[in-house]
Amino acid sequence: IQKILAKKEGPYMAKQLKDLIIQTLRKNVALNQFGEQL
Protein backbone atom coordinates (compact mmCIF):
# COMPACT_ATOMS: atom_id res chain seq x y z
CA ILE A 1 0.00 0.00 0.00
CA GLN A 2 2.84 2.39 0.80
CA LYS A 3 4.26 1.78 -2.68
CA ILE A 4 0.89 2.56 -4.29
CA LEU A 5 0.55 5.78 -2.29
CA ALA A 6 4.12 6.79 -3.10
CA LYS A 7 3.60 6.41 -6.86
CA LYS A 8 0.32 8.42 -6.84
CA GLU A 9 -0.85 7.15 -10.22
CA GLY A 10 -4.26 8.80 -9.78
CA PRO A 11 -6.34 7.10 -12.51
CA TYR A 12 -5.08 3.63 -11.55
CA MET A 13 -4.76 3.82 -7.76
CA ALA A 14 -8.20 2.35 -6.98
CA LYS A 15 -7.64 -0.57 -9.36
CA GLN A 16 -4.14 -1.16 -8.00
CA LEU A 17 -5.44 -1.27 -4.42
CA LYS A 18 -8.36 -3.47 -5.45
CA ASP A 19 -6.03 -5.97 -7.17
CA LEU A 20 -3.76 -5.93 -4.13
CA ILE A 21 -6.64 -6.65 -1.75
CA ILE A 22 -7.88 -9.48 -4.00
CA GLN A 23 -4.41 -11.02 -3.96
CA THR A 24 -4.24 -10.64 -0.18
CA LEU A 25 -7.72 -12.11 0.26
CA ARG A 26 -6.72 -15.23 -1.65
CA LYS A 27 -3.81 -15.77 0.72
CA ASN A 28 -6.10 -14.93 3.63
CA VAL A 29 -8.62 -17.56 2.53
CA ALA A 30 -5.85 -20.16 2.17
CA LEU A 31 -4.71 -19.45 5.75
CA ASN A 32 -8.30 -19.62 6.99
CA GLN A 33 -8.77 -22.98 5.27
CA PHE A 34 -5.62 -24.30 6.89
CA GLY A 35 -6.98 -23.11 10.24
CA GLU A 36 -10.15 -25.12 9.59
CA GLN A 37 -8.00 -28.18 8.83
CA LEU A 38 -6.06 -27.61 12.04
ModelCIF file with pLDDT and N, C-alpha, C, O atoms, coordinates in Angstrom:
data_MODEL
#
_entry.id   MODEL 
#
_entity.id                         1 
_entity.type                       polymer 
_entity.pdbx_number_of_molecules   1 
#
_entity_poly.entity_id                      1 
_entity_poly.type                           'polypeptide(L)' 
_entity_poly.nstd_linkage                   no 
_entity_poly.nstd_monomer                   no 
_entity_poly.pdbx_seq_one_letter_code       IQKILAKKEGPYMAKQLKDLIIQTLRKNVALNQFGEQL 
_entity_poly.pdbx_seq_one_letter_code_can   IQKILAKKEGPYMAKQLKDLIIQTLRKNVALNQFGEQL 
_entity_poly.pdbx_strand_id                 A 
#
loop_
_entity_poly_seq.entity_id 
_entity_poly_seq.num 
_entity_poly_seq.mon_id 
_entity_poly_seq.hetero 
1 1  ILE n 
1 2  GLN n 
1 3  LYS n 
1 4  ILE n 
1 5  LEU n 
1 6  ALA n 
1 7  LYS n 
1 8  LYS n 
1 9  GLU n 
1 10 GLY n 
1 11 PRO n 
1 12 TYR n 
1 13 MET n 
1 14 ALA n 
1 15 LYS n 
1 16 GLN n 
1 17 LEU n 
1 18 LYS n 
1 19 ASP n 
1 20 LEU n 
1 21 ILE n 
1 22 ILE n 
1 23 GLN n 
1 24 THR n 
1 25 LEU n 
1 26 ARG n 
1 27 LYS n 
1 28 ASN n 
1 29 VAL n 
1 30 ALA n 
1 31 LEU n 
1 32 ASN n 
1 33 GLN n 
1 34 PHE n 
1 35 GLY n 
1 36 GLU n 
1 37 GLN n 
1 38 LEU n 
#
_struct_asym.id          A 
_struct_asym.entity_id   1 
#
loop_
_ma_qa_metric.id 
_ma_qa_metric.mode 
_ma_qa_metric.name 
_ma_qa_metric.software_group_id 
_ma_qa_metric.type 
1 global pLDDT . pLDDT 
2 local  pLDDT . pLDDT 
#
_ma_qa_metric_global.metric_id      1 
_ma_qa_metric_global.metric_value   91.08 
_ma_qa_metric_global.model_id       1 
_ma_qa_metric_global.ordinal_id     1 
#
loop_
_ma_qa_metric_local.label_asym_id 
_ma_qa_metric_local.label_comp_id 
_ma_qa_metric_local.label_seq_id 
_ma_qa_metric_local.metric_id 
_ma_qa_metric_local.metric_value 
_ma_qa_metric_local.model_id 
_ma_qa_metric_local.ordinal_id 
A ILE 1  2 93.00 1 1  
A GLN 2  2 93.00 1 2  
A LYS 3  2 91.00 1 3  
A ILE 4  2 89.00 1 4  
A LEU 5  2 89.00 1 5  
A ALA 6  2 88.00 1 6  
A LYS 7  2 84.00 1 7  
A LYS 8  2 80.00 1 8  
A GLU 9  2 76.00 1 9  
A GLY 10 2 71.00 1 10 
A PRO 11 2 76.00 1 11 
A TYR 12 2 82.00 1 12 
A MET 13 2 87.00 1 13 
A ALA 14 2 89.00 1 14 
A LYS 15 2 90.00 1 15 
A GLN 16 2 91.00 1 16 
A LEU 17 2 93.00 1 17 
A LYS 18 2 93.00 1 18 
A ASP 19 2 93.00 1 19 
A LEU 20 2 94.00 1 20 
A ILE 21 2 95.00 1 21 
A ILE 22 2 95.00 1 22 
A GLN 23 2 96.00 1 23 
A THR 24 2 95.00 1 24 
A LEU 25 2 95.00 1 25 
A ARG 26 2 95.00 1 26 
A LYS 27 2 95.00 1 27 
A ASN 28 2 96.00 1 28 
A VAL 29 2 95.00 1 29 
A ALA 30 2 96.00 1 30 
A LEU 31 2 96.00 1 31 
A ASN 32 2 95.00 1 32 
A GLN 33 2 96.00 1 33 
A PHE 34 2 97.00 1 34 
A GLY 35 2 95.00 1 35 
A GLU 36 2 95.00 1 36 
A GLN 37 2 96.00 1 37 
A LEU 38 2 96.00 1 38 
#
loop_
_atom_site.group_PDB 
_atom_site.id 
_atom_site.type_symbol 
_atom_site.label_atom_id 
_atom_site.label_alt_id 
_atom_site.label_comp_id 
_atom_site.label_asym_id 
_atom_site.label_entity_id 
_atom_site.label_seq_id 
_atom_site.pdbx_PDB_ins_code 
_atom_site.Cartn_x 
_atom_site.Cartn_y 
_atom_site.Cartn_z 
_atom_site.occupancy 
_atom_site.B_iso_or_equiv 
_atom_site.pdbx_formal_charge 
_atom_site.auth_seq_id 
_atom_site.auth_comp_id 
_atom_site.auth_asym_id 
_atom_site.auth_atom_id 
_atom_site.pdbx_PDB_model_num 
ATOM 1   N N  . ILE A 1 1  ? 0.840   -1.213  0.000   1.00 93.00 ? 1  ILE A N  1 
ATOM 2   C CA . ILE A 1 1  ? 0.000   0.000   0.000   1.00 93.00 ? 1  ILE A CA 1 
ATOM 3   C C  . ILE A 1 1  ? 0.870   1.256   0.000   1.00 93.00 ? 1  ILE A C  1 
ATOM 4   O O  . ILE A 1 1  ? 0.572   2.228   -0.694  1.00 93.00 ? 1  ILE A O  1 
ATOM 5   N N  . GLN A 1 2  ? 1.930   1.227   0.771   1.00 93.00 ? 2  GLN A N  1 
ATOM 6   C CA . GLN A 1 2  ? 2.838   2.386   0.803   1.00 93.00 ? 2  GLN A CA 1 
ATOM 7   C C  . GLN A 1 2  ? 3.437   2.650   -0.579  1.00 93.00 ? 2  GLN A C  1 
ATOM 8   O O  . GLN A 1 2  ? 3.636   3.806   -0.955  1.00 93.00 ? 2  GLN A O  1 
ATOM 9   N N  . LYS A 1 3  ? 3.721   1.605   -1.327  1.00 91.00 ? 3  LYS A N  1 
ATOM 10  C CA . LYS A 1 3  ? 4.256   1.779   -2.682  1.00 91.00 ? 3  LYS A CA 1 
ATOM 11  C C  . LYS A 1 3  ? 3.216   2.417   -3.600  1.00 91.00 ? 3  LYS A C  1 
ATOM 12  O O  . LYS A 1 3  ? 3.542   3.280   -4.415  1.00 91.00 ? 3  LYS A O  1 
ATOM 13  N N  . ILE A 1 4  ? 1.957   1.983   -3.461  1.00 89.00 ? 4  ILE A N  1 
ATOM 14  C CA . ILE A 1 4  ? 0.885   2.557   -4.286  1.00 89.00 ? 4  ILE A CA 1 
ATOM 15  C C  . ILE A 1 4  ? 0.706   4.039   -3.974  1.00 89.00 ? 4  ILE A C  1 
ATOM 16  O O  . ILE A 1 4  ? 0.557   4.859   -4.880  1.00 89.00 ? 4  ILE A O  1 
ATOM 17  N N  . LEU A 1 5  ? 0.721   4.375   -2.678  1.00 89.00 ? 5  LEU A N  1 
ATOM 18  C CA . LEU A 1 5  ? 0.555   5.776   -2.293  1.00 89.00 ? 5  LEU A CA 1 
ATOM 19  C C  . LEU A 1 5  ? 1.738   6.631   -2.724  1.00 89.00 ? 5  LEU A C  1 
ATOM 20  O O  . LEU A 1 5  ? 1.579   7.806   -3.058  1.00 89.00 ? 5  LEU A O  1 
ATOM 21  N N  . ALA A 1 6  ? 2.932   6.029   -2.713  1.00 88.00 ? 6  ALA A N  1 
ATOM 22  C CA . ALA A 1 6  ? 4.125   6.792   -3.103  1.00 88.00 ? 6  ALA A CA 1 
ATOM 23  C C  . ALA A 1 6  ? 4.125   7.111   -4.596  1.00 88.00 ? 6  ALA A C  1 
ATOM 24  O O  . ALA A 1 6  ? 4.575   8.182   -5.003  1.00 88.00 ? 6  ALA A O  1 
ATOM 25  N N  . LYS A 1 7  ? 3.620   6.182   -5.416  1.00 84.00 ? 7  LYS A N  1 
ATOM 26  C CA . LYS A 1 7  ? 3.599   6.409   -6.860  1.00 84.00 ? 7  LYS A CA 1 
ATOM 27  C C  . LYS A 1 7  ? 2.548   7.447   -7.261  1.00 84.00 ? 7  LYS A C  1 
ATOM 28  O O  . LYS A 1 7  ? 2.775   8.225   -8.187  1.00 84.00 ? 7  LYS A O  1 
ATOM 29  N N  . LYS A 1 8  ? 1.409   7.466   -6.578  1.00 80.00 ? 8  LYS A N  1 
ATOM 30  C CA . LYS A 1 8  ? 0.322   8.423   -6.839  1.00 80.00 ? 8  LYS A CA 1 
ATOM 31  C C  . LYS A 1 8  ? -0.099  8.440   -8.308  1.00 80.00 ? 8  LYS A C  1 
ATOM 32  O O  . LYS A 1 8  ? -0.199  9.499   -8.927  1.00 80.00 ? 8  LYS A O  1 
ATOM 33  N N  . GLU A 1 9  ? -0.342  7.255   -8.848  1.00 76.00 ? 9  GLU A N  1 
ATOM 34  C CA . GLU A 1 9  ? -0.847  7.154   -10.221 1.00 76.00 ? 9  GLU A CA 1 
ATOM 35  C C  . GLU A 1 9  ? -2.372  7.267   -10.168 1.00 76.00 ? 9  GLU A C  1 
ATOM 36  O O  . GLU A 1 9  ? -3.079  6.261   -10.228 1.00 76.00 ? 9  GLU A O  1 
ATOM 37  N N  . GLY A 1 10 ? -2.867  8.494   -10.054 1.00 71.00 ? 10 GLY A N  1 
ATOM 38  C CA . GLY A 1 10 ? -4.263  8.804   -9.782  1.00 71.00 ? 10 GLY A CA 1 
ATOM 39  C C  . GLY A 1 10 ? -5.292  7.931   -10.488 1.00 71.00 ? 10 GLY A C  1 
ATOM 40  O O  . GLY A 1 10 ? -6.108  7.308   -9.809  1.00 71.00 ? 10 GLY A O  1 
ATOM 41  N N  . PRO A 1 11 ? -5.294  7.855   -11.814 1.00 76.00 ? 11 PRO A N  1 
ATOM 42  C CA . PRO A 1 11 ? -6.340  7.098   -12.509 1.00 76.00 ? 11 PRO A CA 1 
ATOM 43  C C  . PRO A 1 11 ? -6.335  5.609   -12.185 1.00 76.00 ? 11 PRO A C  1 
ATOM 44  O O  . PRO A 1 11 ? -7.355  4.941   -12.351 1.00 76.00 ? 11 PRO A O  1 
ATOM 45  N N  . TYR A 1 12 ? -5.205  5.077   -11.726 1.00 82.00 ? 12 TYR A N  1 
ATOM 46  C CA . TYR A 1 12 ? -5.081  3.634   -11.550 1.00 82.00 ? 12 TYR A CA 1 
ATOM 47  C C  . TYR A 1 12 ? -4.995  3.208   -10.072 1.00 82.00 ? 12 TYR A C  1 
ATOM 48  O O  . TYR A 1 12 ? -4.917  2.015   -9.778  1.00 82.00 ? 12 TYR A O  1 
ATOM 49  N N  . MET A 1 13 ? -5.009  4.161   -9.165  1.00 87.00 ? 13 MET A N  1 
ATOM 50  C CA . MET A 1 13 ? -4.764  3.820   -7.760  1.00 87.00 ? 13 MET A CA 1 
ATOM 51  C C  . MET A 1 13 ? -5.849  2.905   -7.178  1.00 87.00 ? 13 MET A C  1 
ATOM 52  O O  . MET A 1 13 ? -5.542  1.969   -6.439  1.00 87.00 ? 13 MET A O  1 
ATOM 53  N N  . ALA A 1 14 ? -7.105  3.173   -7.507  1.00 89.00 ? 14 ALA A N  1 
ATOM 54  C CA . ALA A 1 14 ? -8.202  2.349   -6.980  1.00 89.00 ? 14 ALA A CA 1 
ATOM 55  C C  . ALA A 1 14 ? -8.096  0.919   -7.490  1.00 89.00 ? 14 ALA A C  1 
ATOM 56  O O  . ALA A 1 14 ? -8.287  -0.037  -6.738  1.00 89.00 ? 14 ALA A O  1 
ATOM 57  N N  . LYS A 1 15 ? -7.787  0.782   -8.788  1.00 90.00 ? 15 LYS A N  1 
ATOM 58  C CA . LYS A 1 15 ? -7.644  -0.566  -9.360  1.00 90.00 ? 15 LYS A CA 1 
ATOM 59  C C  . LYS A 1 15 ? -6.430  -1.285  -8.768  1.00 90.00 ? 15 LYS A C  1 
ATOM 60  O O  . LYS A 1 15 ? -6.487  -2.481  -8.484  1.00 90.00 ? 15 LYS A O  1 
ATOM 61  N N  . GLN A 1 16 ? -5.335  -0.549  -8.585  1.00 91.00 ? 16 GLN A N  1 
ATOM 62  C CA . GLN A 1 16 ? -4.143  -1.163  -7.999  1.00 91.00 ? 16 GLN A CA 1 
ATOM 63  C C  . GLN A 1 16 ? -4.421  -1.663  -6.579  1.00 91.00 ? 16 GLN A C  1 
ATOM 64  O O  . GLN A 1 16 ? -4.014  -2.767  -6.215  1.00 91.00 ? 16 GLN A O  1 
ATOM 65  N N  . LEU A 1 17 ? -5.111  -0.853  -5.784  1.00 93.00 ? 17 LEU A N  1 
ATOM 66  C CA . LEU A 1 17 ? -5.442  -1.267  -4.423  1.00 93.00 ? 17 LEU A CA 1 
ATOM 67  C C  . LEU A 1 17 ? -6.424  -2.430  -4.428  1.00 93.00 ? 17 LEU A C  1 
ATOM 68  O O  . LEU A 1 17 ? -6.313  -3.352  -3.620  1.00 93.00 ? 17 LEU A O  1 
ATOM 69  N N  . LYS A 1 18 ? -7.388  -2.381  -5.348  1.00 93.00 ? 18 LYS A N  1 
ATOM 70  C CA . LYS A 1 18 ? -8.357  -3.475  -5.453  1.00 93.00 ? 18 LYS A CA 1 
ATOM 71  C C  . LYS A 1 18 ? -7.659  -4.793  -5.797  1.00 93.00 ? 18 LYS A C  1 
ATOM 72  O O  . LYS A 1 18 ? -7.927  -5.823  -5.179  1.00 93.00 ? 18 LYS A O  1 
ATOM 73  N N  . ASP A 1 19 ? -6.765  -4.755  -6.785  1.00 93.00 ? 19 ASP A N  1 
ATOM 74  C CA . ASP A 1 19 ? -6.033  -5.974  -7.167  1.00 93.00 ? 19 ASP A CA 1 
ATOM 75  C C  . ASP A 1 19 ? -5.171  -6.483  -6.008  1.00 93.00 ? 19 ASP A C  1 
ATOM 76  O O  . ASP A 1 19 ? -5.052  -7.688  -5.789  1.00 93.00 ? 19 ASP A O  1 
ATOM 77  N N  . LEU A 1 20 ? -4.579  -5.549  -5.278  1.00 94.00 ? 20 LEU A N  1 
ATOM 78  C CA . LEU A 1 20 ? -3.756  -5.934  -4.131  1.00 94.00 ? 20 LEU A CA 1 
ATOM 79  C C  . LEU A 1 20 ? -4.600  -6.610  -3.055  1.00 94.00 ? 20 LEU A C  1 
ATOM 80  O O  . LEU A 1 20 ? -4.187  -7.621  -2.487  1.00 94.00 ? 20 LEU A O  1 
ATOM 81  N N  . ILE A 1 21 ? -5.776  -6.059  -2.773  1.00 95.00 ? 21 ILE A N  1 
ATOM 82  C CA . ILE A 1 21 ? -6.640  -6.653  -1.751  1.00 95.00 ? 21 ILE A CA 1 
ATOM 83  C C  . ILE A 1 21 ? -7.152  -8.022  -2.194  1.00 95.00 ? 21 ILE A C  1 
ATOM 84  O O  . ILE A 1 21 ? -7.269  -8.932  -1.373  1.00 95.00 ? 21 ILE A O  1 
ATOM 85  N N  . ILE A 1 22 ? -7.457  -8.176  -3.480  1.00 95.00 ? 22 ILE A N  1 
ATOM 86  C CA . ILE A 1 22 ? -7.882  -9.485  -3.999  1.00 95.00 ? 22 ILE A CA 1 
ATOM 87  C C  . ILE A 1 22 ? -6.774  -10.517 -3.806  1.00 95.00 ? 22 ILE A C  1 
ATOM 88  O O  . ILE A 1 22 ? -7.026  -11.638 -3.365  1.00 95.00 ? 22 ILE A O  1 
ATOM 89  N N  . GLN A 1 23 ? -5.554  -10.128 -4.140  1.00 96.00 ? 23 GLN A N  1 
ATOM 90  C CA . GLN A 1 23 ? -4.406  -11.024 -3.962  1.00 96.00 ? 23 GLN A CA 1 
ATOM 91  C C  . GLN A 1 23 ? -4.228  -11.387 -2.481  1.00 96.00 ? 23 GLN A C  1 
ATOM 92  O O  . GLN A 1 23 ? -3.958  -12.539 -2.143  1.00 96.00 ? 23 GLN A O  1 
ATOM 93  N N  . THR A 1 24 ? -4.382  -10.394 -1.615  1.00 95.00 ? 24 THR A N  1 
ATOM 94  C CA . THR A 1 24 ? -4.241  -10.639 -0.184  1.00 95.00 ? 24 THR A CA 1 
ATOM 95  C C  . THR A 1 24 ? -5.362  -11.529 0.330   1.00 95.00 ? 24 THR A C  1 
ATOM 96  O O  . THR A 1 24 ? -5.134  -12.409 1.160   1.00 95.00 ? 24 THR A O  1 
ATOM 97  N N  . LEU A 1 25 ? -6.586  -11.295 -0.169  1.00 95.00 ? 25 LEU A N  1 
ATOM 98  C CA . LEU A 1 25 ? -7.722  -12.112 0.263   1.00 95.00 ? 25 LEU A CA 1 
ATOM 99  C C  . LEU A 1 25 ? -7.538  -13.581 -0.105  1.00 95.00 ? 25 LEU A C  1 
ATOM 100 O O  . LEU A 1 25 ? -7.929  -14.464 0.659   1.00 95.00 ? 25 LEU A O  1 
ATOM 101 N N  . ARG A 1 26 ? -6.953  -13.843 -1.255  1.00 95.00 ? 26 ARG A N  1 
ATOM 102 C CA . ARG A 1 26 ? -6.716  -15.235 -1.653  1.00 95.00 ? 26 ARG A CA 1 
ATOM 103 C C  . ARG A 1 26 ? -5.774  -15.926 -0.666  1.00 95.00 ? 26 ARG A C  1 
ATOM 104 O O  . ARG A 1 26 ? -6.001  -17.068 -0.267  1.00 95.00 ? 26 ARG A O  1 
ATOM 105 N N  . LYS A 1 27 ? -4.716  -15.214 -0.283  1.00 95.00 ? 27 LYS A N  1 
ATOM 106 C CA . LYS A 1 27 ? -3.808  -15.775 0.717   1.00 95.00 ? 27 LYS A CA 1 
ATOM 107 C C  . LYS A 1 27 ? -4.509  -15.901 2.066   1.00 95.00 ? 27 LYS A C  1 
ATOM 108 O O  . LYS A 1 27 ? -4.300  -16.867 2.800   1.00 95.00 ? 27 LYS A O  1 
ATOM 109 N N  . ASN A 1 28 ? -5.335  -14.921 2.377   1.00 96.00 ? 28 ASN A N  1 
ATOM 110 C CA . ASN A 1 28 ? -6.100  -14.928 3.627   1.00 96.00 ? 28 ASN A CA 1 
ATOM 111 C C  . ASN A 1 28 ? -7.014  -16.149 3.685   1.00 96.00 ? 28 ASN A C  1 
ATOM 112 O O  . ASN A 1 28 ? -7.078  -16.837 4.704   1.00 96.00 ? 28 ASN A O  1 
ATOM 113 N N  . VAL A 1 29 ? -7.712  -16.410 2.596   1.00 95.00 ? 29 VAL A N  1 
ATOM 114 C CA . VAL A 1 29 ? -8.621  -17.563 2.534   1.00 95.00 ? 29 VAL A CA 1 
ATOM 115 C C  . VAL A 1 29 ? -7.844  -18.873 2.685   1.00 95.00 ? 29 VAL A C  1 
ATOM 116 O O  . VAL A 1 29 ? -8.297  -19.797 3.361   1.00 95.00 ? 29 VAL A O  1 
ATOM 117 N N  . ALA A 1 30 ? -6.677  -18.944 2.052   1.00 96.00 ? 30 ALA A N  1 
ATOM 118 C CA . ALA A 1 30 ? -5.849  -20.157 2.168   1.00 96.00 ? 30 ALA A CA 1 
ATOM 119 C C  . ALA A 1 30 ? -5.432  -20.393 3.627   1.00 96.00 ? 30 ALA A C  1 
ATOM 120 O O  . ALA A 1 30 ? -5.442  -21.530 4.099   1.00 96.00 ? 30 ALA A O  1 
ATOM 121 N N  . LEU A 1 31 ? -5.070  -19.324 4.336   1.00 96.00 ? 31 LEU A N  1 
ATOM 122 C CA . LEU A 1 31 ? -4.706  -19.452 5.750   1.00 96.00 ? 31 LEU A CA 1 
ATOM 123 C C  . LEU A 1 31 ? -5.925  -19.849 6.585   1.00 96.00 ? 31 LEU A C  1 
ATOM 124 O O  . LEU A 1 31 ? -5.817  -20.673 7.493   1.00 96.00 ? 31 LEU A O  1 
ATOM 125 N N  . ASN A 1 32 ? -7.079  -19.264 6.276   1.00 95.00 ? 32 ASN A N  1 
ATOM 126 C CA . ASN A 1 32 ? -8.304  -19.624 6.990   1.00 95.00 ? 32 ASN A CA 1 
ATOM 127 C C  . ASN A 1 32 ? -8.658  -21.099 6.776   1.00 95.00 ? 32 ASN A C  1 
ATOM 128 O O  . ASN A 1 32 ? -9.083  -21.783 7.707   1.00 95.00 ? 32 ASN A O  1 
ATOM 129 N N  . GLN A 1 33 ? -8.482  -21.576 5.556   1.00 96.00 ? 33 GLN A N  1 
ATOM 130 C CA . GLN A 1 33 ? -8.771  -22.981 5.268   1.00 96.00 ? 33 GLN A CA 1 
ATOM 131 C C  . GLN A 1 33 ? -7.820  -23.907 6.018   1.00 96.00 ? 33 GLN A C  1 
ATOM 132 O O  . GLN A 1 33 ? -8.223  -24.964 6.504   1.00 96.00 ? 33 GLN A O  1 
ATOM 133 N N  . PHE A 1 34 ? -6.547  -23.500 6.109   1.00 97.00 ? 34 PHE A N  1 
ATOM 134 C CA . PHE A 1 34 ? -5.615  -24.301 6.894   1.00 97.00 ? 34 PHE A CA 1 
ATOM 135 C C  . PHE A 1 34 ? -6.032  -24.309 8.369   1.00 97.00 ? 34 PHE A C  1 
ATOM 136 O O  . PHE A 1 34 ? -5.936  -25.337 9.039   1.00 97.00 ? 34 PHE A O  1 
ATOM 137 N N  . GLY A 1 35 ? -6.494  -23.163 8.868   1.00 95.00 ? 35 GLY A N  1 
ATOM 138 C CA . GLY A 1 35 ? -6.981  -23.111 10.242  1.00 95.00 ? 35 GLY A CA 1 
ATOM 139 C C  . GLY A 1 35 ? -8.135  -24.070 10.468  1.00 95.00 ? 35 GLY A C  1 
ATOM 140 O O  . GLY A 1 35 ? -8.217  -24.706 11.519  1.00 95.00 ? 35 GLY A O  1 
ATOM 141 N N  . GLU A 1 36 ? -9.034  -24.181 9.488   1.00 95.00 ? 36 GLU A N  1 
ATOM 142 C CA . GLU A 1 36 ? -10.146 -25.123 9.594   1.00 95.00 ? 36 GLU A CA 1 
ATOM 143 C C  . GLU A 1 36 ? -9.637  -26.562 9.607   1.00 95.00 ? 36 GLU A C  1 
ATOM 144 O O  . GLU A 1 36 ? -10.168 -27.405 10.330  1.00 95.00 ? 36 GLU A O  1 
ATOM 145 N N  . GLN A 1 37 ? -8.607  -26.842 8.808   1.00 96.00 ? 37 GLN A N  1 
ATOM 146 C CA . GLN A 1 37 ? -7.996  -28.175 8.826   1.00 96.00 ? 37 GLN A CA 1 
ATOM 147 C C  . GLN A 1 37 ? -7.341  -28.465 10.176  1.00 96.00 ? 37 GLN A C  1 
ATOM 148 O O  . GLN A 1 37 ? -7.442  -29.574 10.701  1.00 96.00 ? 37 GLN A O  1 
ATOM 149 N N  . LEU A 1 38 ? -6.677  -27.465 10.725  1.00 96.00 ? 38 LEU A N  1 
ATOM 150 C CA . LEU A 1 38 ? -6.057  -27.609 12.041  1.00 96.00 ? 38 LEU A CA 1 
ATOM 151 C C  . LEU A 1 38 ? -7.106  -27.932 13.100  1.00 96.00 ? 38 LEU A C  1 
ATOM 152 O O  . LEU A 1 38 ? -6.770  -28.090 14.274  1.00 96.00 ? 38 LEU A O  1 
#
